[in-house]
Amino acid sequence: MTLQEVKSLTAKGEGLKIEFKKKAAFPEKIVREVIALANTAGGDLLIGVDDDGTVSGQRFIEEEIFVMEKAIRELILPALSYELFTIKLSEKKGVAVFRIPLSPDRPHYLKSKDKKQSFIRVEDRSVQASREVWEVLKKSRVPKDTVFTYGRKEEILMKILGEKGRITLREYAKAAGIPLFLASKTLVRLVVANVLLLHPQETEDFFTIKE
C-alpha cells in the first residue's frame, strides 16, 4: 500500500468500513473497533491518522504495531485474520493499516472474565452487539432457507409494523404478551428469513419490515 492510497482512504472520512486512531494508547479499547469491522462488513483501521483524516503519522510506528498485534492476538476470540501494511512518512514516523475482512467466523468477541462482549459497526461508530445481533451474525455465516410458522404472535408483530413502521424487542414482547426470550427468537428468525431488518443502536435496537 502506498501513501497515496492511504490519503485516498482518509479522504473518505471515518465511516462504516474505516476507523482512524492517532496512536495505540488504549489497545483494549481499539480492539473493539477491529471486532466491529470483522463482524459487520470488514474495513480498515488506520494508526497514525488524526480524527479529521490528517495523515500525521506516529513516531516509532513499529511499537504501535507490536502493541496492536499483541492485543488482537490475546483479546479477540475466535482468532481473527487481517492484513497489515506499514507506510513510512519519514525516518521516524509512519502509518499502519490493519485491513480486516468480513469474517467467516463471526461473531468475534472481546475476551473478558465477566461476559462475552461483541461489537458491530453503526455508521462511523462501534457499538456493543445485542443478543439479537449476536444470533443474526451467527446464523448469517451459512445462509440457508428458514422455515417458520405464521401464527398469532407474528400477526400481532406485522400489524404493529404496518401501523408504526418500527418496533423494539420490549414493545413486541409487551404487545404480544409473550416472554422476552420468545419475542427475541421470533424477531431473529424473521430477520434471518429476510422478512425483517434489524437496526442496531447504542441503546435499544429496533426492527422494520424489509422492503
N, C-alpha and C. Protein backbone atom coordinates (compact mmCIF):
# COMPACT_ATOMS: atom_id res chain seq x y z
N MET A 1 0.84 -1.19 0.00
CA MET A 1 0.00 0.00 0.00
C MET A 1 0.88 1.24 0.00
N THR A 2 0.52 2.23 -0.80
CA THR A 2 1.30 3.46 -0.92
C THR A 2 0.70 4.58 -0.07
N LEU A 3 1.48 5.65 0.12
CA LEU A 3 1.00 6.82 0.85
C LEU A 3 -0.21 7.43 0.14
N GLN A 4 -0.16 7.42 -1.19
CA GLN A 4 -1.28 7.96 -1.97
C GLN A 4 -2.57 7.17 -1.70
N GLU A 5 -2.44 5.87 -1.58
CA GLU A 5 -3.62 5.02 -1.29
C GLU A 5 -4.16 5.30 0.11
N VAL A 6 -3.24 5.55 1.06
CA VAL A 6 -3.66 5.88 2.42
C VAL A 6 -4.42 7.20 2.42
N LYS A 7 -3.90 8.20 1.70
CA LYS A 7 -4.57 9.51 1.64
C LYS A 7 -5.92 9.41 0.93
N SER A 8 -6.00 8.51 -0.01
CA SER A 8 -7.27 8.27 -0.71
C SER A 8 -8.30 7.68 0.26
N LEU A 9 -7.84 6.78 1.14
CA LEU A 9 -8.71 6.18 2.15
C LEU A 9 -9.18 7.24 3.16
N THR A 10 -8.23 8.04 3.65
CA THR A 10 -8.57 9.00 4.70
C THR A 10 -9.46 10.14 4.18
N ALA A 11 -9.38 10.40 2.88
CA ALA A 11 -10.20 11.47 2.29
C ALA A 11 -11.69 11.17 2.42
N LYS A 12 -12.04 9.89 2.56
CA LYS A 12 -13.45 9.49 2.70
C LYS A 12 -13.99 9.79 4.09
N GLY A 13 -13.08 9.95 5.07
CA GLY A 13 -13.52 10.16 6.45
C GLY A 13 -13.91 8.85 7.11
N GLU A 14 -14.07 8.89 8.43
CA GLU A 14 -14.47 7.69 9.16
C GLU A 14 -15.88 7.29 8.76
N GLY A 15 -16.12 5.99 8.74
CA GLY A 15 -17.44 5.51 8.33
C GLY A 15 -17.61 4.04 8.69
N LEU A 16 -18.55 3.40 8.03
CA LEU A 16 -18.86 2.01 8.32
C LEU A 16 -17.63 1.11 8.22
N LYS A 17 -16.75 1.40 7.24
CA LYS A 17 -15.63 0.49 6.97
C LYS A 17 -14.26 1.12 7.22
N ILE A 18 -14.22 2.23 7.94
CA ILE A 18 -12.91 2.84 8.20
C ILE A 18 -12.88 3.56 9.54
N GLU A 19 -11.78 3.35 10.27
CA GLU A 19 -11.61 3.94 11.61
C GLU A 19 -10.20 4.51 11.72
N PHE A 20 -10.07 5.76 12.24
CA PHE A 20 -8.77 6.40 12.42
C PHE A 20 -8.39 6.40 13.90
N LYS A 21 -7.10 6.15 14.16
CA LYS A 21 -6.56 6.30 15.51
C LYS A 21 -5.20 6.97 15.39
N LYS A 22 -4.96 7.98 16.25
CA LYS A 22 -3.67 8.67 16.23
C LYS A 22 -2.56 7.73 16.72
N LYS A 23 -2.87 6.97 17.78
CA LYS A 23 -1.89 6.01 18.30
C LYS A 23 -2.61 4.88 19.04
N ALA A 24 -1.89 3.82 19.36
CA ALA A 24 -2.48 2.66 20.03
C ALA A 24 -2.34 2.80 21.54
N ALA A 25 -2.83 3.93 22.08
CA ALA A 25 -2.67 4.23 23.51
C ALA A 25 -3.49 3.28 24.39
N PHE A 26 -4.70 2.94 23.94
CA PHE A 26 -5.56 2.04 24.72
C PHE A 26 -5.97 0.87 23.84
N PRO A 27 -5.05 -0.09 23.63
CA PRO A 27 -5.31 -1.20 22.70
C PRO A 27 -6.53 -2.02 23.05
N GLU A 28 -6.84 -2.14 24.37
CA GLU A 28 -8.01 -2.93 24.78
C GLU A 28 -9.31 -2.28 24.31
N LYS A 29 -9.28 -0.96 24.06
CA LYS A 29 -10.45 -0.27 23.50
C LYS A 29 -10.44 -0.33 21.98
N ILE A 30 -9.26 -0.21 21.39
CA ILE A 30 -9.16 -0.21 19.93
C ILE A 30 -9.55 -1.56 19.33
N VAL A 31 -9.30 -2.66 20.06
CA VAL A 31 -9.67 -3.97 19.51
C VAL A 31 -11.18 -4.09 19.33
N ARG A 32 -11.94 -3.27 20.04
CA ARG A 32 -13.40 -3.26 19.84
C ARG A 32 -13.73 -2.81 18.42
N GLU A 33 -12.95 -1.86 17.92
CA GLU A 33 -13.15 -1.39 16.54
C GLU A 33 -12.82 -2.52 15.55
N VAL A 34 -11.77 -3.25 15.84
CA VAL A 34 -11.36 -4.38 14.99
C VAL A 34 -12.46 -5.44 14.96
N ILE A 35 -12.99 -5.77 16.14
CA ILE A 35 -14.08 -6.74 16.24
C ILE A 35 -15.29 -6.26 15.44
N ALA A 36 -15.64 -4.98 15.61
CA ALA A 36 -16.81 -4.43 14.93
C ALA A 36 -16.66 -4.49 13.41
N LEU A 37 -15.48 -4.17 12.91
CA LEU A 37 -15.24 -4.23 11.46
C LEU A 37 -15.38 -5.66 10.96
N ALA A 38 -14.77 -6.61 11.67
CA ALA A 38 -14.81 -8.02 11.26
C ALA A 38 -16.22 -8.58 11.29
N ASN A 39 -17.05 -8.11 12.23
CA ASN A 39 -18.41 -8.62 12.38
C ASN A 39 -19.40 -7.99 11.40
N THR A 40 -19.08 -6.80 10.89
CA THR A 40 -20.09 -6.04 10.13
C THR A 40 -19.89 -6.12 8.62
N ALA A 41 -18.80 -5.54 8.13
CA ALA A 41 -18.61 -5.51 6.67
C ALA A 41 -17.14 -5.51 6.28
N GLY A 42 -16.25 -5.73 7.28
CA GLY A 42 -14.83 -5.61 7.00
C GLY A 42 -14.45 -4.14 6.93
N GLY A 43 -13.15 -3.86 6.77
CA GLY A 43 -12.73 -2.46 6.65
C GLY A 43 -11.30 -2.27 7.10
N ASP A 44 -10.93 -1.00 7.30
CA ASP A 44 -9.55 -0.63 7.62
C ASP A 44 -9.45 0.16 8.91
N LEU A 45 -8.51 -0.25 9.77
CA LEU A 45 -8.15 0.51 10.96
C LEU A 45 -6.80 1.15 10.67
N LEU A 46 -6.74 2.49 10.73
CA LEU A 46 -5.50 3.21 10.43
C LEU A 46 -4.93 3.80 11.71
N ILE A 47 -3.68 3.47 12.01
CA ILE A 47 -2.97 4.03 13.16
C ILE A 47 -2.00 5.08 12.63
N GLY A 48 -2.03 6.28 13.23
CA GLY A 48 -1.16 7.36 12.76
C GLY A 48 -1.93 8.39 11.96
N VAL A 49 -3.28 8.35 12.10
CA VAL A 49 -4.15 9.29 11.38
C VAL A 49 -5.03 10.01 12.39
N ASP A 50 -5.09 11.35 12.29
CA ASP A 50 -5.91 12.14 13.21
C ASP A 50 -7.40 11.93 12.93
N ASP A 51 -8.25 12.32 13.89
CA ASP A 51 -9.70 12.16 13.74
C ASP A 51 -10.24 12.86 12.50
N ASP A 52 -9.60 13.97 12.12
CA ASP A 52 -10.09 14.72 10.94
C ASP A 52 -9.55 14.17 9.62
N GLY A 53 -8.77 13.05 9.70
CA GLY A 53 -8.26 12.43 8.48
C GLY A 53 -6.87 12.87 8.08
N THR A 54 -6.25 13.74 8.88
CA THR A 54 -4.88 14.19 8.58
C THR A 54 -3.90 13.04 8.79
N VAL A 55 -3.11 12.75 7.76
CA VAL A 55 -2.13 11.66 7.86
C VAL A 55 -0.86 12.23 8.48
N SER A 56 -0.87 12.37 9.81
CA SER A 56 0.26 12.98 10.50
C SER A 56 1.34 11.97 10.86
N GLY A 57 0.96 10.68 10.90
CA GLY A 57 1.92 9.64 11.24
C GLY A 57 2.15 9.54 12.74
N GLN A 58 2.85 8.50 13.13
CA GLN A 58 3.16 8.27 14.54
C GLN A 58 4.62 7.87 14.66
N ARG A 59 5.30 8.45 15.66
CA ARG A 59 6.71 8.10 15.86
C ARG A 59 6.82 6.64 16.27
N PHE A 60 7.86 5.99 15.77
CA PHE A 60 8.13 4.58 16.09
C PHE A 60 6.88 3.71 15.87
N ILE A 61 6.38 3.75 14.65
CA ILE A 61 5.14 3.05 14.31
C ILE A 61 5.23 1.55 14.57
N GLU A 62 6.45 1.00 14.51
CA GLU A 62 6.62 -0.43 14.78
C GLU A 62 6.17 -0.80 16.18
N GLU A 63 6.38 0.12 17.14
CA GLU A 63 5.96 -0.14 18.52
C GLU A 63 4.43 -0.15 18.61
N GLU A 64 3.80 0.76 17.88
CA GLU A 64 2.33 0.81 17.87
C GLU A 64 1.78 -0.50 17.27
N ILE A 65 2.43 -0.97 16.22
CA ILE A 65 2.00 -2.21 15.56
C ILE A 65 2.16 -3.39 16.52
N PHE A 66 3.28 -3.43 17.22
CA PHE A 66 3.53 -4.52 18.18
C PHE A 66 2.42 -4.57 19.24
N VAL A 67 2.06 -3.40 19.78
CA VAL A 67 1.02 -3.31 20.81
C VAL A 67 -0.33 -3.78 20.26
N MET A 68 -0.68 -3.35 19.03
CA MET A 68 -1.96 -3.72 18.44
C MET A 68 -2.03 -5.20 18.10
N GLU A 69 -0.95 -5.73 17.53
CA GLU A 69 -0.95 -7.16 17.17
C GLU A 69 -1.07 -8.04 18.42
N LYS A 70 -0.42 -7.64 19.48
CA LYS A 70 -0.50 -8.38 20.75
C LYS A 70 -1.94 -8.35 21.28
N ALA A 71 -2.59 -7.18 21.21
CA ALA A 71 -3.97 -7.05 21.69
C ALA A 71 -4.93 -7.88 20.84
N ILE A 72 -4.75 -7.84 19.53
CA ILE A 72 -5.62 -8.63 18.64
C ILE A 72 -5.46 -10.12 18.91
N ARG A 73 -4.23 -10.52 19.14
CA ARG A 73 -3.93 -11.94 19.38
C ARG A 73 -4.48 -12.42 20.73
N GLU A 74 -4.38 -11.57 21.75
CA GLU A 74 -4.70 -12.00 23.11
C GLU A 74 -6.12 -11.67 23.57
N LEU A 75 -6.78 -10.69 22.93
CA LEU A 75 -8.06 -10.22 23.45
C LEU A 75 -9.27 -10.57 22.58
N ILE A 76 -9.04 -11.11 21.38
CA ILE A 76 -10.16 -11.39 20.48
C ILE A 76 -10.35 -12.89 20.29
N LEU A 77 -11.57 -13.35 20.44
CA LEU A 77 -11.94 -14.74 20.18
C LEU A 77 -13.14 -14.77 19.23
N PRO A 78 -13.26 -15.77 18.33
CA PRO A 78 -12.16 -16.65 17.91
C PRO A 78 -11.05 -15.84 17.23
N ALA A 79 -9.90 -16.48 17.00
CA ALA A 79 -8.75 -15.79 16.38
C ALA A 79 -9.18 -15.12 15.08
N LEU A 80 -8.64 -13.94 14.85
CA LEU A 80 -9.08 -13.11 13.73
C LEU A 80 -7.91 -12.88 12.77
N SER A 81 -8.17 -13.03 11.47
CA SER A 81 -7.10 -12.81 10.47
C SER A 81 -7.22 -11.40 9.89
N TYR A 82 -6.09 -10.85 9.45
CA TYR A 82 -6.06 -9.49 8.89
C TYR A 82 -4.80 -9.33 8.05
N GLU A 83 -4.77 -8.27 7.25
CA GLU A 83 -3.56 -7.88 6.53
C GLU A 83 -3.00 -6.64 7.19
N LEU A 84 -1.68 -6.50 7.17
CA LEU A 84 -1.04 -5.34 7.78
C LEU A 84 -0.13 -4.65 6.77
N PHE A 85 -0.29 -3.33 6.67
CA PHE A 85 0.55 -2.52 5.78
C PHE A 85 1.21 -1.43 6.62
N THR A 86 2.50 -1.19 6.39
CA THR A 86 3.22 -0.11 7.06
C THR A 86 3.72 0.88 6.01
N ILE A 87 3.41 2.15 6.20
CA ILE A 87 3.81 3.18 5.24
C ILE A 87 4.68 4.20 5.98
N LYS A 88 5.91 4.39 5.55
CA LYS A 88 6.83 5.32 6.19
C LYS A 88 6.59 6.73 5.65
N LEU A 89 6.46 7.71 6.56
CA LEU A 89 6.34 9.11 6.16
C LEU A 89 7.71 9.80 6.25
N SER A 90 8.53 9.32 7.18
CA SER A 90 9.88 9.85 7.36
C SER A 90 10.69 8.76 8.06
N GLU A 91 11.89 9.08 8.45
CA GLU A 91 12.73 8.09 9.11
C GLU A 91 12.11 7.60 10.42
N LYS A 92 11.44 8.53 11.13
CA LYS A 92 10.89 8.18 12.45
C LYS A 92 9.38 8.00 12.48
N LYS A 93 8.69 8.51 11.48
CA LYS A 93 7.22 8.48 11.52
C LYS A 93 6.63 7.57 10.46
N GLY A 94 5.50 6.96 10.81
CA GLY A 94 4.84 6.08 9.84
C GLY A 94 3.36 5.91 10.15
N VAL A 95 2.68 5.19 9.26
CA VAL A 95 1.26 4.88 9.40
C VAL A 95 1.10 3.37 9.26
N ALA A 96 0.21 2.79 10.05
CA ALA A 96 -0.10 1.35 9.94
C ALA A 96 -1.55 1.19 9.51
N VAL A 97 -1.78 0.29 8.57
CA VAL A 97 -3.14 -0.02 8.14
C VAL A 97 -3.42 -1.49 8.42
N PHE A 98 -4.40 -1.73 9.29
CA PHE A 98 -4.86 -3.09 9.57
C PHE A 98 -6.11 -3.31 8.71
N ARG A 99 -5.98 -4.17 7.70
CA ARG A 99 -7.11 -4.45 6.81
C ARG A 99 -7.85 -5.68 7.30
N ILE A 100 -9.07 -5.47 7.76
CA ILE A 100 -9.86 -6.53 8.40
C ILE A 100 -10.95 -7.01 7.43
N PRO A 101 -10.96 -8.29 7.05
CA PRO A 101 -12.03 -8.78 6.17
C PRO A 101 -13.30 -9.05 6.97
N LEU A 102 -14.45 -9.06 6.28
CA LEU A 102 -15.68 -9.55 6.90
C LEU A 102 -15.41 -11.01 7.25
N SER A 103 -15.49 -11.35 8.52
CA SER A 103 -15.01 -12.66 8.96
C SER A 103 -16.03 -13.78 8.79
N PRO A 104 -15.60 -14.92 8.25
CA PRO A 104 -16.48 -16.09 8.16
C PRO A 104 -16.71 -16.72 9.54
N ASP A 105 -15.91 -16.31 10.54
CA ASP A 105 -16.02 -16.88 11.89
C ASP A 105 -16.79 -15.97 12.84
N ARG A 106 -17.48 -14.95 12.30
CA ARG A 106 -18.23 -14.03 13.16
C ARG A 106 -19.37 -14.75 13.89
N PRO A 107 -19.76 -14.30 15.06
CA PRO A 107 -19.29 -13.07 15.70
C PRO A 107 -18.00 -13.27 16.52
N HIS A 108 -17.06 -12.34 16.34
CA HIS A 108 -15.88 -12.30 17.21
C HIS A 108 -16.28 -11.52 18.45
N TYR A 109 -15.58 -11.78 19.54
CA TYR A 109 -15.92 -11.07 20.77
C TYR A 109 -14.67 -10.81 21.60
N LEU A 110 -14.84 -9.92 22.56
CA LEU A 110 -13.75 -9.50 23.42
C LEU A 110 -13.58 -10.51 24.54
N LYS A 111 -12.36 -10.98 24.72
CA LYS A 111 -12.06 -11.94 25.79
C LYS A 111 -12.18 -11.21 27.13
N SER A 112 -13.09 -11.68 27.97
CA SER A 112 -13.33 -11.00 29.24
C SER A 112 -13.69 -12.02 30.31
N LYS A 113 -13.37 -11.68 31.57
CA LYS A 113 -13.69 -12.59 32.68
C LYS A 113 -15.19 -12.62 32.93
N ASP A 114 -15.84 -11.49 32.73
CA ASP A 114 -17.26 -11.37 33.10
C ASP A 114 -18.18 -12.02 32.08
N LYS A 115 -18.23 -11.45 30.87
CA LYS A 115 -19.13 -12.00 29.86
C LYS A 115 -18.58 -11.70 28.46
N LYS A 116 -19.09 -12.42 27.49
CA LYS A 116 -18.67 -12.19 26.11
C LYS A 116 -19.27 -10.89 25.61
N GLN A 117 -18.42 -9.99 25.13
CA GLN A 117 -18.90 -8.73 24.56
C GLN A 117 -18.50 -8.69 23.09
N SER A 118 -19.50 -8.51 22.24
CA SER A 118 -19.23 -8.40 20.82
C SER A 118 -19.61 -6.99 20.37
N PHE A 119 -19.09 -6.59 19.21
CA PHE A 119 -19.33 -5.23 18.72
C PHE A 119 -19.60 -5.24 17.23
N ILE A 120 -20.38 -4.27 16.80
CA ILE A 120 -20.64 -4.10 15.37
C ILE A 120 -20.52 -2.63 15.02
N ARG A 121 -20.47 -2.38 13.74
CA ARG A 121 -20.30 -1.03 13.23
C ARG A 121 -21.68 -0.45 12.90
N VAL A 122 -21.94 0.74 13.42
CA VAL A 122 -23.14 1.50 13.06
C VAL A 122 -22.66 2.86 12.55
N GLU A 123 -22.73 3.04 11.23
CA GLU A 123 -22.17 4.23 10.58
C GLU A 123 -20.69 4.34 10.94
N ASP A 124 -20.28 5.43 11.65
CA ASP A 124 -18.86 5.59 11.95
C ASP A 124 -18.53 5.24 13.40
N ARG A 125 -19.41 4.47 14.05
CA ARG A 125 -19.20 4.11 15.46
C ARG A 125 -19.23 2.60 15.63
N SER A 126 -18.58 2.14 16.70
CA SER A 126 -18.64 0.73 17.07
C SER A 126 -19.48 0.62 18.32
N VAL A 127 -20.54 -0.20 18.27
CA VAL A 127 -21.44 -0.34 19.41
C VAL A 127 -21.52 -1.80 19.84
N GLN A 128 -21.86 -1.99 21.11
CA GLN A 128 -21.96 -3.36 21.62
C GLN A 128 -23.15 -4.06 20.98
N ALA A 129 -22.92 -5.30 20.57
CA ALA A 129 -23.97 -6.07 19.90
C ALA A 129 -24.95 -6.65 20.92
N SER A 130 -26.23 -6.50 20.63
CA SER A 130 -27.27 -7.09 21.47
C SER A 130 -27.30 -8.61 21.25
N ARG A 131 -28.07 -9.31 22.07
CA ARG A 131 -28.20 -10.76 21.89
C ARG A 131 -28.80 -11.08 20.52
N GLU A 132 -29.73 -10.23 20.06
CA GLU A 132 -30.37 -10.46 18.76
C GLU A 132 -29.36 -10.29 17.63
N VAL A 133 -28.53 -9.26 17.70
CA VAL A 133 -27.49 -9.05 16.68
C VAL A 133 -26.54 -10.24 16.68
N TRP A 134 -26.14 -10.68 17.86
CA TRP A 134 -25.23 -11.82 18.01
C TRP A 134 -25.80 -13.05 17.30
N GLU A 135 -27.08 -13.34 17.55
CA GLU A 135 -27.73 -14.51 16.94
C GLU A 135 -27.81 -14.38 15.42
N VAL A 136 -28.15 -13.18 14.94
CA VAL A 136 -28.24 -12.95 13.49
C VAL A 136 -26.86 -13.14 12.84
N LEU A 137 -25.81 -12.64 13.50
CA LEU A 137 -24.44 -12.81 12.97
C LEU A 137 -24.08 -14.29 12.86
N LYS A 138 -24.41 -15.05 13.90
CA LYS A 138 -24.12 -16.49 13.88
C LYS A 138 -24.85 -17.19 12.74
N LYS A 139 -26.13 -16.89 12.63
CA LYS A 139 -26.96 -17.58 11.63
C LYS A 139 -26.66 -17.12 10.21
N SER A 140 -26.09 -15.92 10.06
CA SER A 140 -25.80 -15.41 8.71
C SER A 140 -24.49 -15.94 8.13
N ARG A 141 -23.72 -16.67 8.95
CA ARG A 141 -22.45 -17.22 8.45
C ARG A 141 -22.71 -18.21 7.32
N VAL A 142 -23.74 -19.01 7.49
CA VAL A 142 -24.10 -20.00 6.46
C VAL A 142 -25.56 -19.77 6.09
N PRO A 143 -25.81 -18.90 5.09
CA PRO A 143 -27.19 -18.61 4.71
C PRO A 143 -27.93 -19.87 4.28
N LYS A 144 -29.15 -20.02 4.79
CA LYS A 144 -29.98 -21.15 4.38
C LYS A 144 -31.45 -20.75 4.50
N ASP A 145 -32.30 -21.48 3.83
CA ASP A 145 -33.72 -21.18 3.88
C ASP A 145 -34.24 -21.40 5.31
N THR A 146 -35.01 -20.43 5.77
CA THR A 146 -35.58 -20.52 7.11
C THR A 146 -37.08 -20.74 7.01
N VAL A 147 -37.54 -21.78 7.65
CA VAL A 147 -38.98 -22.09 7.64
C VAL A 147 -39.56 -21.66 8.99
N PHE A 148 -40.66 -20.92 8.95
CA PHE A 148 -41.28 -20.53 10.21
C PHE A 148 -42.79 -20.55 10.05
N THR A 149 -43.46 -20.75 11.18
CA THR A 149 -44.93 -20.75 11.16
C THR A 149 -45.42 -19.33 11.38
N TYR A 150 -46.50 -18.98 10.71
CA TYR A 150 -47.04 -17.63 10.82
C TYR A 150 -48.29 -17.71 11.68
N GLY A 151 -48.12 -17.45 12.98
CA GLY A 151 -49.23 -17.58 13.92
C GLY A 151 -49.66 -16.26 14.52
N ARG A 152 -50.30 -16.34 15.67
CA ARG A 152 -50.86 -15.14 16.32
C ARG A 152 -49.79 -14.10 16.63
N LYS A 153 -48.66 -14.56 17.21
CA LYS A 153 -47.63 -13.59 17.61
C LYS A 153 -47.01 -12.88 16.40
N GLU A 154 -46.92 -13.59 15.26
CA GLU A 154 -46.40 -12.96 14.03
C GLU A 154 -47.43 -11.97 13.46
N GLU A 155 -48.70 -12.33 13.59
CA GLU A 155 -49.78 -11.43 13.12
C GLU A 155 -49.75 -10.11 13.89
N ILE A 156 -49.60 -10.22 15.20
CA ILE A 156 -49.53 -9.01 16.05
C ILE A 156 -48.34 -8.15 15.63
N LEU A 157 -47.21 -8.81 15.43
CA LEU A 157 -45.99 -8.11 15.03
C LEU A 157 -46.18 -7.35 13.72
N MET A 158 -46.70 -8.03 12.70
CA MET A 158 -46.85 -7.40 11.39
C MET A 158 -47.89 -6.28 11.41
N LYS A 159 -48.90 -6.43 12.27
CA LYS A 159 -49.93 -5.38 12.40
C LYS A 159 -49.31 -4.11 12.98
N ILE A 160 -48.51 -4.28 14.03
CA ILE A 160 -47.85 -3.11 14.66
C ILE A 160 -46.89 -2.46 13.68
N LEU A 161 -46.10 -3.28 12.96
CA LEU A 161 -45.14 -2.74 11.99
C LEU A 161 -45.87 -2.01 10.86
N GLY A 162 -47.04 -2.53 10.47
CA GLY A 162 -47.83 -1.87 9.44
C GLY A 162 -48.32 -0.51 9.89
N GLU A 163 -48.61 -0.38 11.19
CA GLU A 163 -49.13 0.88 11.73
C GLU A 163 -48.02 1.87 12.10
N LYS A 164 -46.98 1.35 12.80
CA LYS A 164 -45.94 2.24 13.34
C LYS A 164 -44.67 2.29 12.50
N GLY A 165 -44.44 1.23 11.71
CA GLY A 165 -43.24 1.20 10.86
C GLY A 165 -42.02 0.59 11.52
N ARG A 166 -42.00 0.56 12.86
CA ARG A 166 -40.85 0.00 13.58
C ARG A 166 -41.27 -0.50 14.95
N ILE A 167 -40.45 -1.38 15.52
CA ILE A 167 -40.78 -1.93 16.84
C ILE A 167 -39.49 -2.38 17.54
N THR A 168 -39.47 -2.30 18.87
CA THR A 168 -38.33 -2.81 19.64
C THR A 168 -38.71 -4.17 20.22
N LEU A 169 -37.73 -4.87 20.73
CA LEU A 169 -37.96 -6.18 21.34
C LEU A 169 -38.97 -6.06 22.49
N ARG A 170 -38.75 -5.09 23.36
CA ARG A 170 -39.63 -4.95 24.54
C ARG A 170 -41.05 -4.57 24.15
N GLU A 171 -41.17 -3.70 23.16
CA GLU A 171 -42.51 -3.31 22.69
C GLU A 171 -43.25 -4.53 22.14
N TYR A 172 -42.53 -5.36 21.39
CA TYR A 172 -43.16 -6.54 20.79
C TYR A 172 -43.59 -7.54 21.86
N ALA A 173 -42.68 -7.81 22.83
CA ALA A 173 -43.00 -8.77 23.89
C ALA A 173 -44.23 -8.32 24.67
N LYS A 174 -44.32 -7.03 24.95
CA LYS A 174 -45.45 -6.49 25.72
C LYS A 174 -46.75 -6.59 24.91
N ALA A 175 -46.69 -6.19 23.63
CA ALA A 175 -47.90 -6.19 22.79
C ALA A 175 -48.43 -7.61 22.55
N ALA A 176 -47.51 -8.55 22.38
CA ALA A 176 -47.91 -9.94 22.10
C ALA A 176 -48.17 -10.74 23.36
N GLY A 177 -47.80 -10.17 24.52
CA GLY A 177 -47.99 -10.87 25.79
C GLY A 177 -47.15 -12.13 25.88
N ILE A 178 -45.91 -12.05 25.40
CA ILE A 178 -45.02 -13.22 25.42
C ILE A 178 -43.71 -12.86 26.12
N PRO A 179 -42.97 -13.86 26.64
CA PRO A 179 -41.69 -13.58 27.31
C PRO A 179 -40.68 -12.97 26.32
N LEU A 180 -39.72 -12.22 26.89
CA LEU A 180 -38.70 -11.58 26.05
C LEU A 180 -37.93 -12.59 25.19
N PHE A 181 -37.60 -13.76 25.79
CA PHE A 181 -36.80 -14.73 25.03
C PHE A 181 -37.55 -15.24 23.81
N LEU A 182 -38.87 -15.39 23.93
CA LEU A 182 -39.67 -15.88 22.80
C LEU A 182 -39.81 -14.77 21.74
N ALA A 183 -39.99 -13.54 22.20
CA ALA A 183 -40.06 -12.40 21.27
C ALA A 183 -38.74 -12.28 20.51
N SER A 184 -37.63 -12.47 21.24
CA SER A 184 -36.30 -12.39 20.63
C SER A 184 -36.12 -13.46 19.56
N LYS A 185 -36.49 -14.70 19.89
CA LYS A 185 -36.36 -15.80 18.92
C LYS A 185 -37.18 -15.54 17.66
N THR A 186 -38.39 -15.01 17.84
CA THR A 186 -39.28 -14.74 16.70
C THR A 186 -38.67 -13.66 15.81
N LEU A 187 -38.19 -12.59 16.41
CA LEU A 187 -37.61 -11.48 15.64
C LEU A 187 -36.36 -11.93 14.89
N VAL A 188 -35.49 -12.67 15.56
CA VAL A 188 -34.26 -13.16 14.92
C VAL A 188 -34.60 -14.06 13.73
N ARG A 189 -35.56 -14.95 13.94
CA ARG A 189 -35.95 -15.88 12.87
C ARG A 189 -36.46 -15.11 11.64
N LEU A 190 -37.23 -14.04 11.87
CA LEU A 190 -37.77 -13.25 10.76
C LEU A 190 -36.71 -12.40 10.07
N VAL A 191 -35.69 -11.99 10.84
CA VAL A 191 -34.55 -11.27 10.23
C VAL A 191 -33.77 -12.21 9.33
N VAL A 192 -33.47 -13.40 9.84
CA VAL A 192 -32.71 -14.38 9.06
C VAL A 192 -33.48 -14.82 7.82
N ALA A 193 -34.82 -14.81 7.92
CA ALA A 193 -35.67 -15.20 6.78
C ALA A 193 -35.88 -14.05 5.80
N ASN A 194 -35.20 -12.90 6.05
CA ASN A 194 -35.29 -11.73 5.17
C ASN A 194 -36.68 -11.09 5.15
N VAL A 195 -37.43 -11.28 6.23
CA VAL A 195 -38.74 -10.62 6.34
C VAL A 195 -38.58 -9.27 7.05
N LEU A 196 -37.69 -9.25 8.06
CA LEU A 196 -37.45 -8.03 8.83
C LEU A 196 -36.01 -7.55 8.67
N LEU A 197 -35.80 -6.28 8.97
CA LEU A 197 -34.46 -5.70 9.06
C LEU A 197 -34.19 -5.35 10.52
N LEU A 198 -33.00 -5.68 10.99
CA LEU A 198 -32.57 -5.33 12.34
C LEU A 198 -31.71 -4.08 12.25
N HIS A 199 -32.04 -3.06 13.05
CA HIS A 199 -31.29 -1.80 13.07
C HIS A 199 -30.59 -1.66 14.42
N PRO A 200 -29.32 -2.05 14.51
CA PRO A 200 -28.60 -1.97 15.79
C PRO A 200 -28.47 -0.51 16.25
N GLN A 201 -28.60 -0.30 17.56
CA GLN A 201 -28.47 1.02 18.15
C GLN A 201 -27.64 0.92 19.43
N GLU A 202 -27.12 2.06 19.90
CA GLU A 202 -26.35 2.06 21.15
C GLU A 202 -27.24 1.76 22.34
N THR A 203 -28.50 2.20 22.29
CA THR A 203 -29.39 1.98 23.43
C THR A 203 -30.25 0.73 23.20
N GLU A 204 -31.22 0.81 22.30
CA GLU A 204 -32.11 -0.32 22.05
C GLU A 204 -32.34 -0.50 20.55
N ASP A 205 -32.07 -1.70 20.06
CA ASP A 205 -32.26 -1.99 18.63
C ASP A 205 -33.74 -1.86 18.26
N PHE A 206 -33.99 -1.62 16.97
CA PHE A 206 -35.37 -1.69 16.52
C PHE A 206 -35.44 -2.48 15.20
N PHE A 207 -36.64 -2.89 14.84
CA PHE A 207 -36.88 -3.73 13.68
C PHE A 207 -37.89 -3.08 12.76
N THR A 208 -37.68 -3.27 11.45
CA THR A 208 -38.64 -2.79 10.43
C THR A 208 -38.89 -3.90 9.44
N ILE A 209 -39.94 -3.75 8.64
CA ILE A 209 -40.21 -4.72 7.57
C ILE A 209 -39.22 -4.47 6.45
N LYS A 210 -38.65 -5.54 5.92
CA LYS A 210 -37.70 -5.41 4.82
C LYS A 210 -38.47 -5.15 3.53
N GLU A 211 -38.11 -4.06 2.85
CA GLU A 211 -38.82 -3.69 1.61
C GLU A 211 -38.48 -4.67 0.49
